[in-house]
Amino acid sequence: MVHIPEESGPRVRARELGLPLGRFKPGKFNAITDVDGVLVGHSTLIQGDGPLRPGHGPVRTGVTAILPNKGNIFMERMTGGGFVLNGAGEVSGMTQLMEWGLIETPILLTNTMAVGAVSDGVARYLVDRYPGIGDEHDVIIPVVGECDDSWLNDISGRHVRESHVFEAIHKASSGPVAEGNVGGGTGMVTCDFKGGIGTSSRKLPEVLGGYTLGVLVMSNFGKMHNLRVGGLPVGEVLAEKFKGTPKRGQTYGSIIAVVATDAPLLSHQINRLCKRVALGIGRVGSYAAHGSGEIVVGFSTANIIPRRTQKMVYKLKLLLDQRLDPLYEAVMEATEEAILNALCMATSMTGANGNHCQALPLDEVRRFLDAYKPIFASVKKRPQQSSAPAARERPSNEDREGEVTVSTARPTQVRGAEGIPFPTRPAPDDAGEPGGPEGSSSGSPAGSDS
């Protein structure tokens, strides 16, 4: 067996390595909690060493809780959606989520065999807080996602308890989010290196709406030779160095991603946003293997759908579909960075049966990146400001950050879903008006009431 010495330096997030991680800037904490009202908490279980003894350990698992709307999601629900890239996994409650387009419970992440216990724990937490559930209020189906951590954890021992669910929920807070070997990500593996919880965010420039978008992942997928770091084939190089080390061989693994945004989106738009998360997962090296589960849950904090109201209708803010493209790009960037943050922040771990999962060697990644830095440095991050007078320039569709004001931002001029370009021709009432297109016709005689 090849011995790879452990690094002594501190773990850092992917951005601190100088990786090319997209053109949009992250939020203050570069985390899903940059979306106002989103809270995250963990409960981490690490106990015992040595041979696997089902029911006794070793234990390497936990629970992660994502609370929309500062935890008041039951009474003040939000629009939600999701996407399944490959379905060899589970997110309980997703059937109702996709049908109703509503998030009404916290979102919990854990290991495969703990889904029932975690769902029961969330139900108990909500019933204690809202005693009318099942009587005055409708019943609830908690949203709980899972990945298989059995290579490091005594998964069949089902060590996650109701108390751990309560701990994760009660610890949920805004601000920085712990990453790597924490919560539901404690025993997870990514591309044969230690994986776990990772998060990232993007803040769109004002001209594109100024919206904030965040992604949190529980990353547990892939093989080393497929790993891409900042688009570079780092995994192919590291696979040779780690050729003789034991690796998880029975499963490809899975990934659960949670997307939050303050952009005013309807459920079908959130579904579309969640699809683009799959592109970010692919950037890191996933091919969504037969036995893997790539499942995405998303929600928007912009609209509140009250559980109690005397009204028959309620009004929603809505972002035009033509304005979604920047969010698609941002969610792909944030997903890629969230996965890389999970890899970069996780530390090496030894678990059940002495299985050892080494952390991604950051020094090796840095050496690889150093060779490419001259190329990165030569890339212009933004288009240059035109030297032509503004009055002479034709309107541009470029979403150039800092060069266009909100008042001059225009919807895209590409064809919409109905296949009609916008704008088309002047309305009939404008035909023949001064400045109207020469030779245009209204299609009916002047003064006609037809």
Protein backbone atom coordinates (compact mmCIF):
# COMPACT_ATOMS: atom_id res chain seq x y z
CA MET A 1 0.00 0.00 0.00
CA VAL A 2 1.27 3.47 -0.89
CA HIS A 3 1.62 5.80 2.07
CA ILE A 4 0.73 9.43 1.43
CA PRO A 5 1.88 11.70 4.26
CA GLU A 6 -0.79 13.85 5.88
CA GLU A 7 -0.54 17.61 5.39
CA SER A 8 0.19 19.69 8.46
CA GLY A 9 -1.20 23.01 7.19
CA PRO A 10 -4.70 24.30 7.88
CA ARG A 11 -7.62 23.44 5.66
CA VAL A 12 -8.93 26.33 3.57
CA ARG A 13 -11.94 26.87 1.37
CA ALA A 14 -11.61 26.46 -2.39
CA ARG A 15 -11.59 30.19 -3.12
CA GLU A 16 -8.47 30.65 -0.99
CA LEU A 17 -6.57 28.34 -3.33
CA GLY A 18 -6.99 30.84 -6.14
CA LEU A 19 -9.26 28.60 -8.20
CA PRO A 20 -11.23 29.99 -11.15
CA LEU A 21 -14.75 29.74 -9.76
CA GLY A 22 -16.88 31.81 -12.10
CA ARG A 23 -17.59 35.46 -12.79
CA PHE A 24 -20.19 36.29 -10.12
CA LYS A 25 -19.11 37.38 -6.66
CA PRO A 26 -20.05 35.40 -3.54
CA GLY A 27 -22.11 36.87 -0.70
CA LYS A 28 -20.69 38.00 2.63
CA PHE A 29 -20.22 34.49 4.04
CA ASN A 30 -20.10 32.63 0.71
CA ALA A 31 -22.79 30.35 2.13
CA ILE A 32 -26.47 29.53 1.74
CA THR A 33 -27.05 31.71 4.80
CA ASP A 34 -26.29 34.77 2.67
CA VAL A 35 -29.93 34.42 1.58
CA ASP A 36 -31.77 36.39 4.24
CA GLY A 37 -33.69 34.24 6.71
CA VAL A 38 -31.93 30.94 5.91
CA LEU A 39 -30.41 29.19 8.95
CA VAL A 40 -28.14 26.12 9.09
CA GLY A 41 -27.29 23.85 12.02
CA HIS A 42 -25.48 20.55 12.55
CA SER A 43 -25.40 17.62 14.94
CA THR A 44 -22.22 15.54 14.54
CA LEU A 45 -21.74 11.98 15.85
CA ILE A 46 -18.18 10.59 16.05
CA GLN A 47 -17.73 7.63 18.40
CA GLY A 48 -15.54 4.52 18.60
CA ASP A 49 -12.86 2.92 16.46
CA GLY A 50 -11.89 -0.48 15.11
CA PRO A 51 -13.89 -3.33 13.56
CA LEU A 52 -17.52 -2.79 12.63
CA ARG A 53 -19.97 -4.05 15.27
CA PRO A 54 -23.48 -3.26 14.06
CA GLY A 55 -25.33 -1.36 16.73
CA HIS A 56 -22.12 -0.44 18.54
CA GLY A 57 -20.00 1.46 16.02
CA PRO A 58 -17.75 2.97 14.94
CA VAL A 59 -20.10 5.92 14.41
CA ARG A 60 -19.34 8.59 11.81
CA THR A 61 -22.59 10.32 10.93
CA GLY A 62 -24.95 13.16 11.88
CA VAL A 63 -27.73 15.55 10.89
CA THR A 64 -27.74 18.89 9.09
CA ALA A 65 -30.77 21.19 9.24
CA ILE A 66 -31.63 23.98 6.80
CA LEU A 67 -34.38 26.27 8.12
CA PRO A 68 -36.00 28.68 5.63
CA ASN A 69 -37.76 31.81 6.87
CA LYS A 70 -35.88 31.87 10.20
CA GLY A 71 -37.56 28.63 11.17
CA ASN A 72 -41.14 29.83 10.76
CA ILE A 73 -41.64 27.85 7.57
CA PHE A 74 -44.67 25.90 8.80
CA MET A 75 -46.95 28.92 9.23
CA GLU A 76 -45.38 31.05 6.51
CA ARG A 77 -44.62 28.72 3.64
CA MET A 78 -42.49 29.45 0.58
CA THR A 79 -42.46 28.40 -3.05
CA GLY A 80 -40.31 25.35 -3.66
CA GLY A 81 -39.33 22.79 -6.24
CA GLY A 82 -36.73 20.21 -7.10
CA PHE A 83 -35.05 17.99 -9.64
CA VAL A 84 -33.86 14.38 -9.76
CA LEU A 85 -30.85 13.77 -12.02
CA ASN A 86 -30.51 10.12 -10.99
CA GLY A 87 -32.93 8.61 -8.52
CA ALA A 88 -30.96 5.94 -6.64
CA GLY A 89 -31.52 7.95 -3.48
CA GLU A 90 -34.26 9.50 -1.42
CA VAL A 91 -35.63 12.84 -0.32
CA SER A 92 -38.75 12.13 1.71
CA GLY A 93 -41.55 14.66 1.25
CA MET A 94 -40.45 15.47 -2.29
CA THR A 95 -43.57 14.03 -3.92
CA GLN A 96 -45.75 16.58 -2.14
CA LEU A 97 -43.17 19.31 -2.69
CA MET A 98 -43.29 18.79 -6.46
CA GLU A 99 -47.09 18.56 -6.48
CA TRP A 100 -47.84 21.65 -4.40
CA GLY A 101 -44.73 23.69 -5.14
CA LEU A 102 -44.44 24.60 -1.45
CA ILE A 103 -41.82 24.21 1.26
CA GLU A 104 -43.50 23.96 4.68
CA THR A 105 -40.97 22.11 6.87
CA PRO A 106 -37.27 22.43 7.64
CA ILE A 107 -34.99 20.49 5.25
CA LEU A 108 -32.83 17.85 6.94
CA LEU A 109 -29.84 15.87 5.62
CA THR A 110 -28.55 12.60 7.11
CA ASN A 111 -27.51 9.03 6.25
CA THR A 112 -29.67 6.56 4.32
CA MET A 113 -30.76 4.42 7.26
CA ALA A 114 -31.63 7.42 9.43
CA VAL A 115 -34.26 9.00 7.16
CA GLY A 116 -37.14 7.55 9.19
CA ALA A 117 -35.69 8.61 12.53
CA VAL A 118 -34.94 12.12 11.28
CA SER A 119 -38.38 12.48 9.69
CA ASP A 120 -39.94 11.37 12.98
CA GLY A 121 -37.77 13.85 14.87
CA VAL A 122 -38.82 16.75 12.63
CA ALA A 123 -42.47 15.72 13.01
CA ARG A 124 -42.10 15.70 16.79
CA TYR A 125 -40.39 19.10 16.74
CA LEU A 126 -43.17 20.63 14.63
CA VAL A 127 -46.02 19.03 16.59
CA ASP A 128 -44.51 20.31 19.84
CA ARG A 129 -44.29 23.80 18.34
CA TYR A 130 -47.65 23.69 16.55
CA PRO A 131 -49.99 21.37 18.53
CA GLY A 132 -52.77 21.84 15.98
CA ILE A 133 -51.00 19.69 13.35
CA GLY A 134 -53.29 16.84 12.34
CA ASP A 135 -56.36 18.59 13.75
CA GLU A 136 -56.60 22.34 13.34
CA HIS A 137 -53.83 22.20 10.70
CA ASP A 138 -53.06 19.71 7.96
CA VAL A 139 -50.56 16.90 8.51
CA ILE A 140 -46.93 17.45 7.48
CA ILE A 141 -44.39 15.37 5.55
CA PRO A 142 -40.85 16.50 6.48
CA VAL A 143 -38.28 16.97 3.71
CA VAL A 144 -35.33 14.69 4.55
CA GLY A 145 -32.47 13.85 2.16
CA GLU A 146 -29.95 11.03 2.51
CA CYS A 147 -26.61 9.68 1.33
CA ASP A 148 -24.88 6.38 2.14
CA ASP A 149 -22.00 6.78 4.64
CA SER A 150 -21.56 3.03 5.29
CA TRP A 151 -17.86 2.92 4.30
CA LEU A 152 -16.95 4.89 7.42
CA ASN A 153 -20.06 4.57 9.58
CA ASP A 154 -22.03 1.81 11.30
CA ILE A 155 -25.03 2.76 9.20
CA SER A 156 -27.17 -0.27 10.12
CA GLY A 157 -26.73 0.61 13.81
CA ARG A 158 -29.05 3.60 13.26
CA HIS A 159 -27.33 5.81 15.80
CA VAL A 160 -29.17 9.01 14.84
CA ARG A 161 -31.83 9.83 17.40
CA GLU A 162 -34.57 12.40 17.86
CA SER A 163 -32.28 14.38 20.16
CA HIS A 164 -29.79 14.86 17.32
CA VAL A 165 -32.53 16.26 15.09
CA PHE A 166 -33.49 18.72 17.84
CA GLU A 167 -29.83 19.66 18.32
CA ALA A 168 -29.33 20.43 14.61
CA ILE A 169 -32.52 22.52 14.48
CA HIS A 170 -31.83 24.42 17.70
CA LYS A 171 -28.24 25.16 16.65
CA ALA A 172 -29.34 26.53 13.27
CA SER A 173 -28.09 30.07 12.77
CA SER A 174 -27.20 32.62 10.16
CA GLY A 175 -23.61 33.58 9.29
CA PRO A 176 -20.71 31.22 8.51
CA VAL A 177 -21.54 27.54 8.02
CA ALA A 178 -19.29 24.74 9.27
CA GLU A 179 -18.17 22.51 6.39
CA GLY A 180 -16.53 19.14 5.79
CA ASN A 181 -16.85 16.46 8.48
CA VAL A 182 -19.92 17.91 10.17
CA GLY A 183 -23.61 17.05 10.47
CA GLY A 184 -24.99 14.81 7.77
CA GLY A 185 -21.66 15.04 5.94
CA THR A 186 -19.59 13.51 8.75
CA GLY A 187 -19.08 10.12 7.09
CA MET A 188 -19.36 11.14 3.44
CA VAL A 189 -16.78 10.59 0.67
CA THR A 190 -16.31 12.52 -2.59
CA CYS A 191 -14.23 11.26 -5.50
CA ASP A 192 -12.43 8.90 -3.07
CA PHE A 193 -11.40 11.80 -0.83
CA LYS A 194 -13.12 12.92 2.35
CA GLY A 195 -16.26 14.85 1.47
CA GLY A 196 -19.22 16.11 3.46
CA ILE A 197 -21.03 19.43 3.82
CA GLY A 198 -20.12 22.35 1.59
CA THR A 199 -21.79 25.62 0.73
CA SER A 200 -21.38 28.69 -1.46
CA SER A 201 -23.35 31.70 -2.66
CA ARG A 202 -23.54 34.25 -5.44
CA LYS A 203 -24.73 37.86 -5.42
CA LEU A 204 -25.92 39.11 -8.79
CA PRO A 205 -25.08 42.69 -9.78
CA GLU A 206 -27.92 45.19 -9.55
CA VAL A 207 -28.36 45.32 -13.30
CA LEU A 208 -29.25 41.60 -13.21
CA GLY A 209 -31.63 42.02 -10.30
CA GLY A 210 -29.24 42.10 -7.34
CA TYR A 211 -30.55 38.73 -6.15
CA THR A 212 -28.68 36.42 -3.80
CA LEU A 213 -28.50 32.67 -4.38
CA GLY A 214 -26.97 30.01 -2.13
CA VAL A 215 -26.28 26.29 -2.40
CA LEU A 216 -25.56 23.73 0.33
CA VAL A 217 -24.50 20.18 -0.57
CA MET A 218 -24.04 16.91 1.24
CA SER A 219 -21.42 15.53 -1.14
CA ASN A 220 -20.79 11.78 -1.32
CA PHE A 221 -20.25 10.88 -5.00
CA GLY A 222 -17.67 9.98 -7.59
CA LYS A 223 -14.35 8.37 -8.37
CA MET A 224 -10.93 9.98 -8.05
CA HIS A 225 -9.95 9.86 -11.71
CA ASN A 226 -13.04 11.91 -12.64
CA LEU A 227 -12.35 14.74 -10.20
CA ARG A 228 -12.10 18.22 -11.72
CA VAL A 229 -10.95 21.15 -9.59
CA GLY A 230 -11.62 24.50 -11.17
CA GLY A 231 -12.04 22.70 -14.48
CA LEU A 232 -8.58 21.11 -14.25
CA PRO A 233 -8.10 17.31 -14.41
CA VAL A 234 -6.55 17.12 -10.95
CA GLY A 235 -8.11 13.71 -10.31
CA GLU A 236 -6.22 12.03 -13.12
CA VAL A 237 -2.92 13.15 -11.62
CA LEU A 238 -3.86 12.26 -8.04
CA ALA A 239 -5.21 8.86 -9.10
CA GLU A 240 -1.65 7.83 -10.00
CA LYS A 241 -0.26 9.03 -6.66
CA PHE A 242 -3.00 7.22 -4.72
CA LYS A 243 -2.97 4.12 -6.89
CA GLY A 244 -2.21 1.72 -4.06
CA THR A 245 -4.44 3.17 -1.36
CA PRO A 246 -7.72 1.43 -0.38
CA LYS A 247 -10.84 3.18 -1.64
CA ARG A 248 -14.58 2.82 -1.34
CA GLY A 249 -15.39 0.29 -4.04
CA GLN A 250 -18.94 -0.91 -3.46
CA THR A 251 -20.81 2.26 -4.29
CA TYR A 252 -20.50 5.35 -6.46
CA GLY A 253 -22.26 7.42 -3.83
CA SER A 254 -24.71 10.31 -4.10
CA ILE A 255 -25.18 14.01 -3.53
CA ILE A 256 -28.07 16.04 -2.12
CA ALA A 257 -28.14 19.77 -2.90
CA VAL A 258 -30.32 22.49 -1.43
CA VAL A 259 -30.75 25.80 -3.29
CA ALA A 260 -32.10 28.99 -1.73
CA THR A 261 -32.64 32.37 -3.40
CA ASP A 262 -34.41 35.64 -2.72
CA ALA A 263 -35.31 35.97 -6.40
CA PRO A 264 -39.12 35.90 -6.77
CA LEU A 265 -39.59 32.54 -8.49
CA LEU A 266 -42.58 30.29 -8.98
CA SER A 267 -42.31 26.54 -8.51
CA HIS A 268 -41.71 25.73 -12.17
CA GLN A 269 -38.88 28.28 -12.24
CA ILE A 270 -37.32 26.74 -9.13
CA ASN A 271 -37.51 23.34 -10.83
CA ARG A 272 -35.61 24.80 -13.77
CA LEU A 273 -33.03 26.36 -11.45
CA CYS A 274 -32.53 23.01 -9.70
CA LYS A 275 -31.82 21.35 -13.06
CA ARG A 276 -28.82 23.64 -13.51
CA VAL A 277 -27.40 22.40 -10.20
CA ALA A 278 -26.75 19.15 -12.08
CA LEU A 279 -24.43 21.07 -14.43
CA GLY A 280 -22.41 22.27 -11.44
CA ILE A 281 -22.18 18.72 -10.09
CA GLY A 282 -20.96 17.58 -13.51
CA ARG A 283 -18.27 20.26 -13.48
CA VAL A 284 -16.63 18.54 -10.51
CA GLY A 285 -16.66 15.17 -12.24
CA SER A 286 -19.96 13.37 -11.68
CA TYR A 287 -21.51 11.34 -14.46
CA ALA A 288 -24.54 10.37 -12.33
CA ALA A 289 -23.81 6.65 -12.19
CA HIS A 290 -26.49 3.96 -12.20
CA GLY A 291 -26.38 3.51 -8.42
CA SER A 292 -26.09 7.17 -7.46
CA GLY A 293 -28.69 9.65 -6.26
CA GLU A 294 -28.33 13.27 -7.40
CA ILE A 295 -31.36 15.01 -5.94
CA VAL A 296 -31.89 18.76 -5.64
CA VAL A 297 -34.37 20.72 -3.51
CA GLY A 298 -34.87 24.46 -3.93
CA PHE A 299 -36.93 27.31 -2.53
CA SER A 300 -37.44 31.05 -2.92
CA THR A 301 -37.76 33.35 0.09
CA ALA A 302 -39.36 36.19 -1.91
CA ASN A 303 -43.01 35.20 -1.48
CA ILE A 304 -44.79 34.06 1.68
CA ILE A 305 -47.79 31.76 1.30
CA PRO A 306 -49.63 31.98 4.64
CA ARG A 307 -51.16 28.87 6.15
CA ARG A 308 -53.98 30.94 7.63
CA THR A 309 -55.81 33.58 5.62
CA GLN A 310 -59.36 34.80 5.05
CA LYS A 311 -58.53 35.75 1.47
CA MET A 312 -59.46 33.71 -1.56
CA VAL A 313 -56.43 34.80 -3.61
CA TYR A 314 -52.96 36.04 -2.83
CA LYS A 315 -50.53 37.96 -4.99
CA LEU A 316 -47.00 36.88 -5.81
CA LYS A 317 -43.99 38.73 -7.14
CA LEU A 318 -42.63 37.01 -10.22
CA LEU A 319 -39.35 37.22 -12.09
CA LEU A 320 -39.78 37.07 -15.85
CA ASP A 321 -38.53 33.83 -17.37
CA GLN A 322 -36.31 35.86 -19.69
CA ARG A 323 -34.43 37.10 -16.62
CA LEU A 324 -33.49 33.63 -15.35
CA ASP A 325 -30.25 33.11 -17.27
CA PRO A 326 -27.96 34.89 -14.75
CA LEU A 327 -29.45 32.74 -11.96
CA TYR A 328 -28.77 29.61 -14.00
CA GLU A 329 -25.14 30.61 -14.37
CA ALA A 330 -24.86 31.60 -10.72
CA VAL A 331 -26.33 28.35 -9.39
CA MET A 332 -23.93 26.31 -11.52
CA GLU A 333 -20.98 28.29 -10.14
CA ALA A 334 -22.19 28.07 -6.54
CA THR A 335 -22.80 24.32 -6.78
CA GLU A 336 -19.32 23.65 -8.10
CA GLU A 337 -17.75 25.78 -5.37
CA ALA A 338 -19.91 24.22 -2.63
CA ILE A 339 -18.68 20.74 -3.57
CA LEU A 340 -15.07 21.92 -3.70
CA ASN A 341 -15.51 23.60 -0.30
CA ALA A 342 -16.69 20.28 1.13
CA LEU A 343 -13.54 18.61 -0.24
CA CYS A 344 -11.19 21.39 0.83
CA MET A 345 -12.54 21.74 4.38
CA ALA A 346 -12.94 18.05 5.19
CA THR A 347 -10.14 16.37 7.12
CA SER A 348 -8.92 12.79 6.84
CA MET A 349 -11.02 10.25 8.73
CA THR A 350 -10.68 6.62 9.80
CA GLY A 351 -13.93 4.80 10.42
CA ALA A 352 -15.53 1.37 10.44
CA ASN A 353 -13.14 -1.57 9.97
CA GLY A 354 -10.24 0.84 9.89
CA ASN A 355 -11.31 2.23 6.53
CA HIS A 356 -9.30 5.39 6.01
CA CYS A 357 -10.41 8.24 3.77
CA GLN A 358 -7.76 10.84 3.13
CA ALA A 359 -8.53 14.51 2.74
CA LEU A 360 -7.93 16.13 -0.61
CA PRO A 361 -4.19 17.02 -0.58
CA LEU A 362 -4.32 20.80 -0.91
CA ASP A 363 -0.57 21.11 -1.47
CA GLU A 364 -0.88 18.89 -4.53
CA VAL A 365 -3.78 20.98 -5.78
CA ARG A 366 -1.77 24.16 -5.28
CA ARG A 367 1.16 22.77 -7.27
CA PHE A 368 -1.20 21.84 -10.07
CA LEU A 369 -2.77 25.29 -10.04
CA ASP A 370 0.60 27.07 -10.01
CA ALA A 371 1.33 25.62 -13.43
CA TYR A 372 -1.89 27.17 -14.79
CA LYS A 373 -1.77 30.56 -13.06
CA PRO A 374 -0.14 32.35 -16.02
CA ILE A 375 -3.09 31.23 -18.14
CA PHE A 376 -5.64 32.37 -15.56
CA ALA A 377 -3.88 35.72 -15.20
CA SER A 378 -4.10 36.39 -18.94
CA VAL A 379 -7.89 35.96 -19.02
CA LYS A 380 -9.85 39.20 -18.93
CA LYS A 381 -12.56 38.95 -16.34
CA ARG A 382 -14.86 41.56 -17.93
CA PRO A 383 -15.37 43.16 -21.32
CA GLN A 384 -13.55 46.49 -21.65
CA GLN A 385 -15.57 49.72 -21.51
CA SER A 386 -16.21 50.98 -25.02
CA SER A 387 -14.47 54.23 -25.90
CA ALA A 388 -17.31 55.32 -28.21
CA PRO A 389 -19.63 58.05 -26.93
CA ALA A 390 -22.63 56.54 -25.15
CA ALA A 391 -25.14 58.32 -27.40
CA ARG A 392 -23.61 56.70 -30.48
CA GLU A 393 -23.54 53.18 -29.15
CA ARG A 394 -26.28 50.74 -30.04
CA PRO A 395 -28.16 49.14 -27.09
CA SER A 396 -26.36 46.03 -25.93
CA ASN A 397 -27.70 42.83 -24.39
CA GLU A 398 -24.44 42.18 -22.58
CA ASP A 399 -24.92 41.77 -18.84
CA ARG A 400 -21.79 43.71 -18.02
CA GLU A 401 -21.54 44.25 -14.31
CA GLY A 402 -21.01 47.90 -13.44
CA GLU A 403 -21.51 49.24 -16.97
CA VAL A 404 -25.32 49.29 -17.19
CA THR A 405 -27.81 50.90 -14.87
CA VAL A 406 -31.04 49.27 -13.73
CA SER A 407 -33.08 51.83 -15.66
CA THR A 408 -31.41 50.90 -18.95
CA ALA A 409 -31.44 47.14 -18.47
CA ARG A 410 -33.59 45.47 -21.10
CA PRO A 411 -35.22 42.06 -21.22
CA THR A 412 -33.48 39.65 -23.51
CA GLN A 413 -34.44 39.99 -27.17
CA VAL A 414 -34.21 36.30 -27.93
CA ARG A 415 -37.40 34.46 -28.74
CA GLY A 416 -39.52 33.53 -25.76
CA ALA A 417 -41.20 30.21 -25.03
CA GLU A 418 -44.10 31.09 -27.32
CA GLY A 419 -41.70 31.66 -30.25
CA ILE A 420 -42.53 35.33 -30.76
CA PRO A 421 -39.64 37.80 -30.80
CA PHE A 422 -40.08 40.87 -28.58
CA PRO A 423 -40.66 43.57 -29.55
CA THR A 424 -42.32 42.60 -32.85
CA ARG A 425 -44.00 45.37 -34.86
CA PRO A 426 -45.91 48.42 -33.62
CA ALA A 427 -49.44 47.87 -32.40
CA PRO A 428 -52.17 48.75 -34.94
CA ASP A 429 -52.95 52.03 -33.15
CA ASP A 430 -49.37 53.19 -33.79
CA ALA A 431 -49.47 52.56 -37.53
CA GLY A 432 -49.18 55.71 -39.55
CA GLU A 433 -48.11 57.77 -36.54
CA PRO A 434 -45.12 60.07 -36.99
CA GLY A 435 -41.97 57.99 -36.64
CA GLY A 436 -43.85 54.75 -37.36
CA PRO A 437 -42.48 52.18 -39.82
CA GLU A 438 -42.89 53.32 -43.39
CA GLY A 439 -45.63 51.49 -45.25
CA SER A 440 -47.07 49.85 -42.14
CA SER A 441 -50.78 49.12 -42.05
CA SER A 442 -53.20 48.66 -39.20
CA GLY A 443 -55.10 45.96 -41.04
CA SER A 444 -58.48 47.79 -40.76
CA PRO A 445 -59.87 51.07 -42.14
CA ALA A 446 -59.44 54.21 -40.08
CA GLY A 447 -62.32 54.72 -37.76
CA SER A 448 -63.49 51.12 -38.06
CA ASP A 449 -64.86 49.63 -34.84
CA SER A 450 -64.03 46.09 -35.93
